[in-house]
């Protein structure tokens, strides 16, 4: 056992486990982020072209 193992053991000794179900928030919002980036790039290109 290392010092890191001992520290981790003390941290999780009195912890509670929470199980989450469903799709991750990162996955859910990935498409929105991509659309936002496309929108911002188009907006920037419009500004540059006049």
N, C-alpha and C. Protein backbone atom coordinates (compact mmCIF):
# COMPACT_ATOMS: atom_id res chain seq x y z
N UNK A 1 0.83 -1.20 0.00
CA UNK A 1 0.00 0.00 0.00
C UNK A 1 0.87 1.27 0.00
N UNK A 2 0.44 2.23 -0.76
CA UNK A 2 1.17 3.49 -0.83
C UNK A 2 0.45 4.54 0.00
N UNK A 3 1.08 5.68 0.13
CA UNK A 3 0.45 6.78 0.86
C UNK A 3 -0.85 7.19 0.16
N UNK A 4 -0.82 7.18 -1.18
CA UNK A 4 -2.03 7.54 -1.93
C UNK A 4 -3.18 6.59 -1.62
N UNK A 5 -2.88 5.31 -1.48
CA UNK A 5 -3.92 4.33 -1.12
C UNK A 5 -4.52 4.64 0.24
N UNK A 6 -3.67 5.00 1.19
CA UNK A 6 -4.14 5.31 2.54
C UNK A 6 -5.02 6.57 2.53
N UNK A 7 -4.60 7.57 1.77
CA UNK A 7 -5.38 8.81 1.69
C UNK A 7 -6.74 8.52 1.05
N UNK A 8 -6.73 7.78 -0.04
CA UNK A 8 -7.98 7.45 -0.73
C UNK A 8 -8.90 6.64 0.18
N UNK A 9 -8.34 5.71 0.93
CA UNK A 9 -9.13 4.89 1.84
C UNK A 9 -9.82 5.76 2.88
N UNK A 10 -9.12 6.75 3.40
CA UNK A 10 -9.72 7.64 4.40
C UNK A 10 -10.81 8.52 3.80
N UNK A 11 -10.61 8.94 2.56
CA UNK A 11 -11.59 9.80 1.90
C UNK A 11 -12.89 9.07 1.60
N UNK A 12 -12.78 7.83 1.14
CA UNK A 12 -13.99 7.11 0.72
C UNK A 12 -14.57 6.21 1.81
N UNK A 13 -13.93 6.16 2.95
CA UNK A 13 -14.39 5.29 4.03
C UNK A 13 -15.85 5.57 4.41
N UNK A 14 -16.20 6.84 4.53
CA UNK A 14 -17.57 7.17 4.96
C UNK A 14 -18.38 7.79 3.81
N UNK A 15 -18.00 7.47 2.60
CA UNK A 15 -18.69 8.05 1.45
C UNK A 15 -19.94 7.25 1.09
N UNK A 16 -20.76 7.83 0.25
CA UNK A 16 -21.96 7.18 -0.26
C UNK A 16 -21.84 7.07 -1.76
N UNK A 17 -22.31 5.97 -2.30
CA UNK A 17 -22.26 5.77 -3.75
C UNK A 17 -23.60 6.18 -4.36
N UNK A 18 -23.52 6.96 -5.41
CA UNK A 18 -24.72 7.40 -6.12
C UNK A 18 -24.63 6.88 -7.54
N UNK A 19 -25.63 6.12 -7.94
CA UNK A 19 -25.65 5.59 -9.31
C UNK A 19 -26.56 6.46 -10.16
N UNK A 20 -26.01 6.95 -11.24
CA UNK A 20 -26.77 7.80 -12.15
C UNK A 20 -27.15 7.01 -13.38
N UNK A 21 -28.31 7.32 -13.92
CA UNK A 21 -28.77 6.66 -15.13
C UNK A 21 -29.01 7.71 -16.21
N UNK A 22 -29.03 7.25 -17.43
CA UNK A 22 -29.31 8.16 -18.53
C UNK A 22 -28.05 8.61 -19.24
N UNK A 23 -28.29 9.39 -20.28
CA UNK A 23 -27.18 9.87 -21.10
C UNK A 23 -26.40 10.95 -20.35
N UNK A 24 -25.12 11.02 -20.61
CA UNK A 24 -24.30 12.02 -19.93
C UNK A 24 -24.64 13.42 -20.41
N UNK A 25 -24.45 14.41 -19.56
CA UNK A 25 -24.74 15.79 -19.93
C UNK A 25 -23.83 16.25 -21.06
N UNK A 26 -22.60 15.78 -21.07
CA UNK A 26 -21.68 16.15 -22.15
C UNK A 26 -22.21 15.69 -23.50
N UNK A 27 -22.71 14.46 -23.54
CA UNK A 27 -23.27 13.94 -24.79
C UNK A 27 -24.51 14.72 -25.20
N UNK A 28 -25.36 15.02 -24.22
CA UNK A 28 -26.60 15.73 -24.51
C UNK A 28 -26.33 17.09 -25.13
N UNK A 29 -25.34 17.78 -24.62
CA UNK A 29 -25.09 19.16 -25.05
C UNK A 29 -24.04 19.28 -26.14
N UNK A 30 -23.49 18.17 -26.57
CA UNK A 30 -22.45 18.20 -27.60
C UNK A 30 -22.96 18.82 -28.89
N UNK A 31 -24.14 18.40 -29.34
CA UNK A 31 -24.70 18.93 -30.58
C UNK A 31 -24.97 20.42 -30.47
N UNK A 32 -25.46 20.87 -29.32
CA UNK A 32 -25.70 22.30 -29.13
C UNK A 32 -24.40 23.08 -29.22
N UNK A 33 -23.34 22.55 -28.67
CA UNK A 33 -22.04 23.22 -28.72
C UNK A 33 -21.53 23.30 -30.15
N UNK A 34 -21.68 22.24 -30.90
CA UNK A 34 -21.24 22.22 -32.30
C UNK A 34 -22.02 23.27 -33.10
N UNK A 35 -23.35 23.31 -32.92
CA UNK A 35 -24.17 24.29 -33.63
C UNK A 35 -23.78 25.72 -33.25
N UNK A 36 -23.48 25.94 -31.98
CA UNK A 36 -23.07 27.26 -31.51
C UNK A 36 -21.75 27.68 -32.16
N UNK A 37 -20.81 26.75 -32.23
CA UNK A 37 -19.52 27.04 -32.86
C UNK A 37 -19.68 27.38 -34.33
N UNK A 38 -20.54 26.64 -35.03
CA UNK A 38 -20.80 26.93 -36.45
C UNK A 38 -21.41 28.31 -36.60
N UNK A 39 -22.39 28.62 -35.76
CA UNK A 39 -23.04 29.93 -35.79
C UNK A 39 -22.03 31.05 -35.58
N UNK A 40 -21.16 30.89 -34.58
CA UNK A 40 -20.18 31.94 -34.27
C UNK A 40 -19.17 32.10 -35.41
N UNK A 41 -18.77 31.02 -36.03
CA UNK A 41 -17.83 31.11 -37.15
C UNK A 41 -18.46 31.83 -38.34
N UNK A 42 -19.72 31.50 -38.63
CA UNK A 42 -20.43 32.17 -39.72
C UNK A 42 -20.57 33.65 -39.43
N UNK A 43 -20.88 33.96 -38.19
CA UNK A 43 -21.03 35.36 -37.77
C UNK A 43 -19.72 36.12 -37.94
N UNK A 44 -18.63 35.48 -37.54
CA UNK A 44 -17.31 36.10 -37.67
C UNK A 44 -16.94 36.30 -39.14
N UNK A 45 -17.25 35.32 -39.97
CA UNK A 45 -16.96 35.44 -41.40
C UNK A 45 -17.77 36.58 -42.03
N UNK A 46 -19.01 36.74 -41.57
CA UNK A 46 -19.85 37.83 -42.06
C UNK A 46 -19.24 39.19 -41.70
N UNK A 47 -18.74 39.31 -40.47
CA UNK A 47 -18.10 40.55 -40.02
C UNK A 47 -16.88 40.87 -40.87
N UNK A 48 -16.09 39.85 -41.17
CA UNK A 48 -14.86 40.06 -41.94
C UNK A 48 -15.14 40.43 -43.39
N UNK A 49 -16.23 39.90 -43.95
CA UNK A 49 -16.52 40.15 -45.36
C UNK A 49 -17.23 41.49 -45.57
N UNK A 50 -17.68 42.09 -44.52
CA UNK A 50 -18.26 43.43 -44.65
C UNK A 50 -19.69 43.40 -44.39
